[in-house]
Amino acid sequence: MKTGLVLEGGAMRGIYTAGVLDVFLEHEIHFDGVIGVSAGALHGCSFVSEQKGRSLRYFKKYRNDKHFMSWWSFLHTGEVVGKQFCYHDIPERLDPFDYEAFVKSDTDFYATCTNVETGKAEYIKITDMLSQVDAMRASASMPYVSKIVDYNGMKLLDGGCADSIPVEAFYKMGYERLVVVLTREAGFAKKPENAKMAEIRYHKYPEFVQALQNRHVVYNHSLEVLKEMERAGKAFVIQPDKKLDISRMENDIEVIQQVYDLGGKDARIRMKALKDWMKH
């Protein structure tokens, strides 16, 4: 039976996930497959390449560089996250991603994106991080503050628009036992978004507008499915017990460290239970 790891996104809340994943690396926890959404994909790839501490390190070093994530970047490039800096300069040169270790890993890795023409999720298998970096970028390209990414003939944006917690999709792909890391607190339910804004900004893509307007329905449904899976012993969830005190574009390094540390702490608390669950 294959065991998969599902990683929710959530912009800067994702640093909680990075804390969890580094503890998984410490304890040599292995998965047959990993599927990440947005920030979940960005931190998940460093887990597959076994680069413990990398996510926190480059966040702390570069978060306040205007080329990383800023309104300056948005005004100058139309993208709040710097394309060249975040997806080329950092991984290729400044804090190198271990492309070779990723390729050699026996863990399959998927990035979840949203196809703006169909409004549906695309689960893209990443086998080469260097040549497929645009799929990773698409997965984390937040609507309204990012340009649509062209990848393999598809027009893509943030995977969270269509499938924030892809437990059903991953289960259907053969991962019958799932460890799920959420960045929303226990008891959270998503509320409807501003429907008008979606219509104005993405009027050329009616299916995508519908996906944005239905986002809360899909999200809350995924939580219900996850609860059922937990009850049946098919899922193991790690998530904060209270709302993470971090903004979507947080630039306070102390806050980032605290949320990372909380992820690590929660993973350590659950480690024995996780190892026992994975044995069965």
Protein backbone atom coordinates (compact mmCIF):
# COMPACT_ATOMS: atom_id res chain seq x y z
CA MET A 1 0.00 0.00 0.00
CA LYS A 2 1.44 3.36 -1.05
CA THR A 3 1.71 6.19 1.47
CA GLY A 4 1.47 9.75 0.20
CA LEU A 5 2.15 13.16 1.71
CA VAL A 6 -0.30 16.00 0.95
CA LEU A 7 0.85 19.58 1.58
CA GLU A 8 -1.63 22.47 1.69
CA GLY A 9 -0.47 25.91 0.55
CA GLY A 10 -1.26 29.27 2.14
CA ALA A 11 1.47 31.75 1.09
CA MET A 12 3.67 32.53 4.12
CA ARG A 13 1.70 30.09 6.31
CA GLY A 14 3.64 27.46 4.38
CA ILE A 15 6.68 28.03 6.60
CA TYR A 16 4.76 26.00 9.21
CA THR A 17 4.89 23.10 6.74
CA ALA A 18 8.64 23.64 6.26
CA GLY A 19 9.06 23.17 10.03
CA VAL A 20 7.08 19.92 9.92
CA LEU A 21 9.04 18.60 6.93
CA ASP A 22 12.43 19.28 8.51
CA VAL A 23 11.41 17.15 11.50
CA PHE A 24 10.30 14.42 9.06
CA LEU A 25 13.81 14.55 7.56
CA GLU A 26 15.38 14.33 11.03
CA HIS A 27 13.38 11.17 11.70
CA GLU A 28 13.95 9.77 8.18
CA ILE A 29 10.23 9.56 7.44
CA HIS A 30 9.79 8.35 3.85
CA PHE A 31 6.82 8.63 1.48
CA ASP A 32 6.10 6.96 -1.85
CA GLY A 33 4.73 10.23 -3.21
CA VAL A 34 4.35 13.89 -2.29
CA ILE A 35 1.77 16.30 -3.68
CA GLY A 36 2.08 19.99 -2.89
CA VAL A 37 -0.15 22.97 -3.54
CA SER A 38 1.40 26.41 -3.95
CA ALA A 39 3.68 27.02 -0.93
CA GLY A 40 3.25 23.34 -0.10
CA ALA A 41 4.90 22.44 -3.40
CA LEU A 42 7.73 24.94 -2.86
CA HIS A 43 8.62 23.48 0.54
CA GLY A 44 7.83 19.90 -0.48
CA CYS A 45 10.49 19.82 -3.19
CA SER A 46 13.23 20.62 -0.65
CA PHE A 47 11.91 17.70 1.41
CA VAL A 48 12.27 15.35 -1.57
CA SER A 49 15.83 16.63 -2.23
CA GLU A 50 16.48 16.15 1.54
CA GLN A 51 17.70 19.72 2.08
CA LYS A 52 16.83 20.18 5.73
CA GLY A 53 16.62 23.83 6.78
CA ARG A 54 16.79 25.20 3.24
CA SER A 55 13.30 26.77 3.19
CA LEU A 56 13.83 28.66 6.45
CA ARG A 57 17.36 29.66 5.51
CA TYR A 58 16.50 31.37 2.23
CA PHE A 59 13.33 32.92 3.66
CA LYS A 60 15.34 34.52 6.46
CA LYS A 61 18.08 35.66 4.12
CA TYR A 62 16.03 36.96 1.20
CA ARG A 63 12.48 37.65 2.41
CA ASN A 64 13.10 41.39 2.67
CA ASP A 65 14.81 41.69 -0.69
CA LYS A 66 12.38 43.63 -2.91
CA HIS A 67 12.96 41.08 -5.71
CA PHE A 68 11.65 38.21 -3.54
CA MET A 69 8.04 39.13 -2.70
CA SER A 70 6.93 42.75 -2.61
CA TRP A 71 4.57 45.38 -3.94
CA TRP A 72 7.65 46.89 -5.61
CA SER A 73 7.96 43.70 -7.62
CA PHE A 74 4.24 43.79 -8.43
CA LEU A 75 4.40 47.38 -9.67
CA HIS A 76 7.50 46.75 -11.79
CA THR A 77 6.77 43.27 -13.16
CA GLY A 78 3.05 42.60 -12.60
CA GLU A 79 4.01 39.77 -10.23
CA VAL A 80 4.18 40.08 -6.45
CA VAL A 81 6.73 37.23 -6.34
CA GLY A 82 9.90 37.89 -8.32
CA LYS A 83 10.10 35.33 -11.13
CA GLN A 84 13.81 35.62 -11.89
CA PHE A 85 14.94 35.97 -8.28
CA CYS A 86 12.80 33.26 -6.65
CA TYR A 87 12.76 30.63 -9.38
CA HIS A 88 16.21 31.08 -10.92
CA ASP A 89 18.64 33.20 -8.89
CA ILE A 90 17.98 31.51 -5.53
CA PRO A 91 17.68 27.82 -6.55
CA GLU A 92 20.32 27.95 -9.28
CA ARG A 93 22.92 30.13 -7.60
CA LEU A 94 22.28 31.83 -4.24
CA ASP A 95 21.00 28.85 -2.21
CA PRO A 96 21.30 25.98 -4.68
CA PHE A 97 18.54 23.42 -4.93
CA ASP A 98 19.95 19.89 -5.13
CA TYR A 99 18.56 19.01 -8.57
CA GLU A 100 20.51 15.74 -8.67
CA ALA A 101 19.21 14.48 -5.31
CA PHE A 102 15.66 15.32 -6.42
CA VAL A 103 16.04 13.30 -9.64
CA LYS A 104 17.58 10.35 -7.76
CA SER A 105 14.84 10.27 -5.10
CA ASP A 106 12.44 7.33 -5.25
CA THR A 107 9.63 9.62 -4.04
CA ASP A 108 7.29 10.77 -6.83
CA PHE A 109 6.50 14.47 -6.65
CA TYR A 110 3.47 16.39 -7.95
CA ALA A 111 2.65 20.10 -8.08
CA THR A 112 -1.02 21.09 -8.12
CA CYS A 113 -1.97 23.94 -10.46
CA THR A 114 -5.27 25.39 -11.65
CA ASN A 115 -6.02 25.46 -15.37
CA VAL A 116 -7.67 28.85 -15.91
CA GLU A 117 -9.34 27.74 -19.16
CA THR A 118 -11.09 24.72 -17.61
CA GLY A 119 -11.24 25.84 -13.97
CA LYS A 120 -9.99 22.37 -13.03
CA ALA A 121 -6.91 21.24 -11.12
CA GLU A 122 -3.89 19.84 -12.93
CA TYR A 123 -1.65 17.47 -10.98
CA ILE A 124 1.71 17.78 -12.71
CA LYS A 125 4.37 15.17 -12.03
CA ILE A 126 7.72 16.89 -11.60
CA THR A 127 10.68 14.73 -12.55
CA ASP A 128 13.19 17.49 -13.30
CA MET A 129 12.98 20.63 -11.19
CA LEU A 130 15.24 22.65 -13.48
CA SER A 131 13.30 22.14 -16.72
CA GLN A 132 9.86 22.09 -15.02
CA VAL A 133 10.36 25.11 -12.78
CA ASP A 134 7.47 26.92 -14.52
CA ALA A 135 5.03 24.27 -13.27
CA MET A 136 6.28 24.98 -9.74
CA ARG A 137 5.92 28.70 -10.34
CA ALA A 138 2.39 28.23 -11.67
CA SER A 139 1.39 26.24 -8.58
CA ALA A 140 2.36 29.21 -6.38
CA SER A 141 1.15 32.02 -8.65
CA MET A 142 -1.56 33.60 -6.51
CA PRO A 143 -4.52 35.01 -8.43
CA TYR A 144 -4.82 38.79 -8.81
CA VAL A 145 -1.12 39.39 -8.00
CA SER A 146 0.50 37.05 -10.55
CA LYS A 147 0.53 36.67 -14.31
CA ILE A 148 -0.96 33.51 -15.83
CA VAL A 149 1.81 30.97 -16.50
CA ASP A 150 1.95 29.21 -19.89
CA TYR A 151 3.14 25.64 -19.40
CA ASN A 152 2.88 22.77 -21.90
CA GLY A 153 0.05 24.45 -23.77
CA MET A 154 -1.93 25.15 -20.58
CA LYS A 155 -2.65 28.46 -18.89
CA LEU A 156 -2.06 27.95 -15.17
CA LEU A 157 -2.33 29.67 -11.80
CA ASP A 158 -2.26 28.74 -8.08
CA GLY A 159 -3.34 25.16 -7.42
CA GLY A 160 -5.29 26.28 -4.36
CA CYS A 161 -7.92 27.91 -6.59
CA ALA A 162 -9.21 24.49 -7.73
CA ASP A 163 -7.95 22.00 -5.12
CA SER A 164 -6.33 23.31 -1.93
CA ILE A 165 -6.13 19.92 -0.20
CA PRO A 166 -5.88 17.25 -2.94
CA VAL A 167 -6.61 14.22 -0.75
CA GLU A 168 -9.24 12.74 -3.09
CA ALA A 169 -7.04 13.20 -6.17
CA PHE A 170 -4.01 11.62 -4.51
CA TYR A 171 -6.06 8.74 -3.16
CA LYS A 172 -7.36 8.07 -6.68
CA MET A 173 -3.76 8.09 -7.92
CA GLY A 174 -3.08 5.05 -5.74
CA TYR A 175 -1.92 6.61 -2.48
CA GLU A 176 -4.32 4.82 -0.16
CA ARG A 177 -2.77 6.14 3.06
CA LEU A 178 -2.18 9.86 3.39
CA VAL A 179 -0.23 12.05 5.78
CA VAL A 180 -1.67 15.55 5.40
CA VAL A 181 -0.08 18.79 6.59
CA LEU A 182 -2.58 21.65 6.84
CA THR A 183 -1.72 25.30 7.48
CA ARG A 184 -5.18 26.22 8.75
CA GLU A 185 -6.09 25.54 12.34
CA ALA A 186 -8.36 22.73 13.51
CA GLY A 187 -12.01 23.74 13.14
CA PHE A 188 -11.37 26.21 10.30
CA ALA A 189 -14.04 26.53 7.62
CA LYS A 190 -13.48 28.60 4.47
CA LYS A 191 -15.86 31.47 3.72
CA PRO A 192 -16.97 32.64 0.25
CA GLU A 193 -14.66 35.06 -1.57
CA ASN A 194 -15.53 38.31 -3.33
CA ALA A 195 -17.39 37.04 -6.41
CA LYS A 196 -17.37 40.43 -8.15
CA MET A 197 -13.60 40.76 -8.05
CA ALA A 198 -13.16 37.39 -9.78
CA GLU A 199 -15.61 38.37 -12.52
CA ILE A 200 -13.87 41.69 -13.19
CA ARG A 201 -10.31 40.33 -13.20
CA TYR A 202 -10.87 37.02 -15.01
CA HIS A 203 -13.94 37.67 -17.19
CA LYS A 204 -12.15 36.01 -20.14
CA TYR A 205 -12.03 32.74 -18.18
CA PRO A 206 -15.57 31.99 -16.91
CA GLU A 207 -14.63 28.48 -15.73
CA PHE A 208 -11.85 29.94 -13.59
CA VAL A 209 -14.22 32.59 -12.18
CA GLN A 210 -16.54 29.76 -11.16
CA ALA A 211 -13.63 27.90 -9.53
CA LEU A 212 -12.75 30.99 -7.47
CA GLN A 213 -16.39 31.49 -6.48
CA ASN A 214 -16.71 27.80 -5.49
CA ARG A 215 -13.38 27.64 -3.72
CA HIS A 216 -14.87 27.59 -0.22
CA VAL A 217 -17.28 24.76 -1.16
CA VAL A 218 -14.48 22.58 -2.56
CA TYR A 219 -12.20 23.39 0.38
CA ASN A 220 -14.77 22.56 3.04
CA HIS A 221 -15.73 19.38 1.18
CA SER A 222 -12.05 18.30 1.21
CA LEU A 223 -11.98 18.81 4.98
CA GLU A 224 -15.04 16.57 5.36
CA VAL A 225 -13.45 13.86 3.17
CA LEU A 226 -10.27 14.15 5.24
CA LYS A 227 -12.19 13.71 8.50
CA GLU A 228 -13.79 10.55 7.09
CA MET A 229 -10.39 9.23 6.04
CA GLU A 230 -8.97 9.97 9.49
CA ARG A 231 -11.81 8.07 11.13
CA ALA A 232 -11.16 5.12 8.82
CA GLY A 233 -7.44 5.15 9.65
CA LYS A 234 -6.52 6.15 6.08
CA ALA A 235 -5.21 9.62 6.91
CA PHE A 236 -2.96 11.19 9.53
CA VAL A 237 -3.22 14.97 9.91
CA ILE A 238 -0.77 17.49 11.32
CA GLN A 239 -2.04 21.05 11.66
CA PRO A 240 -1.82 24.02 14.04
CA ASP A 241 -4.26 23.97 16.95
CA LYS A 242 -4.82 27.72 16.65
CA LYS A 243 -4.75 30.27 13.84
CA LEU A 244 -1.21 30.96 12.64
CA ASP A 245 -0.29 34.53 13.51
CA ILE A 246 1.38 35.31 10.20
CA SER A 247 0.22 37.42 7.25
CA ARG A 248 0.10 36.17 3.65
CA MET A 249 3.11 38.36 2.80
CA GLU A 250 4.79 38.37 6.23
CA ASN A 251 8.21 40.03 6.28
CA ASP A 252 8.98 39.94 10.02
CA ILE A 253 11.77 37.34 10.28
CA GLU A 254 10.98 36.64 13.96
CA VAL A 255 7.37 35.80 13.10
CA ILE A 256 8.54 33.53 10.27
CA GLN A 257 10.92 31.74 12.66
CA GLN A 258 8.16 31.31 15.27
CA VAL A 259 5.74 29.73 12.79
CA TYR A 260 8.49 27.45 11.46
CA ASP A 261 9.32 26.43 15.05
CA LEU A 262 5.64 25.72 15.74
CA GLY A 263 5.51 23.35 12.76
CA GLY A 264 8.58 21.55 14.09
CA LYS A 265 7.12 21.36 17.59
CA ASP A 266 3.79 19.97 16.36
CA ALA A 267 5.60 17.36 14.24
CA ARG A 268 7.71 16.25 17.22
CA ILE A 269 4.64 15.97 19.45
CA ARG A 270 2.93 13.73 16.87
CA MET A 271 6.02 11.78 15.81
CA LYS A 272 5.48 8.65 17.90
CA ALA A 273 1.82 8.47 16.85
CA LEU A 274 2.84 8.99 13.20
CA LYS A 275 5.47 6.23 13.29
CA ASP A 276 2.98 3.84 14.92
CA TRP A 277 0.34 4.72 12.29
CA MET A 278 2.82 4.18 9.45
CA LYS A 279 3.71 0.70 10.73
CA HIS A 280 0.15 -0.59 10.32
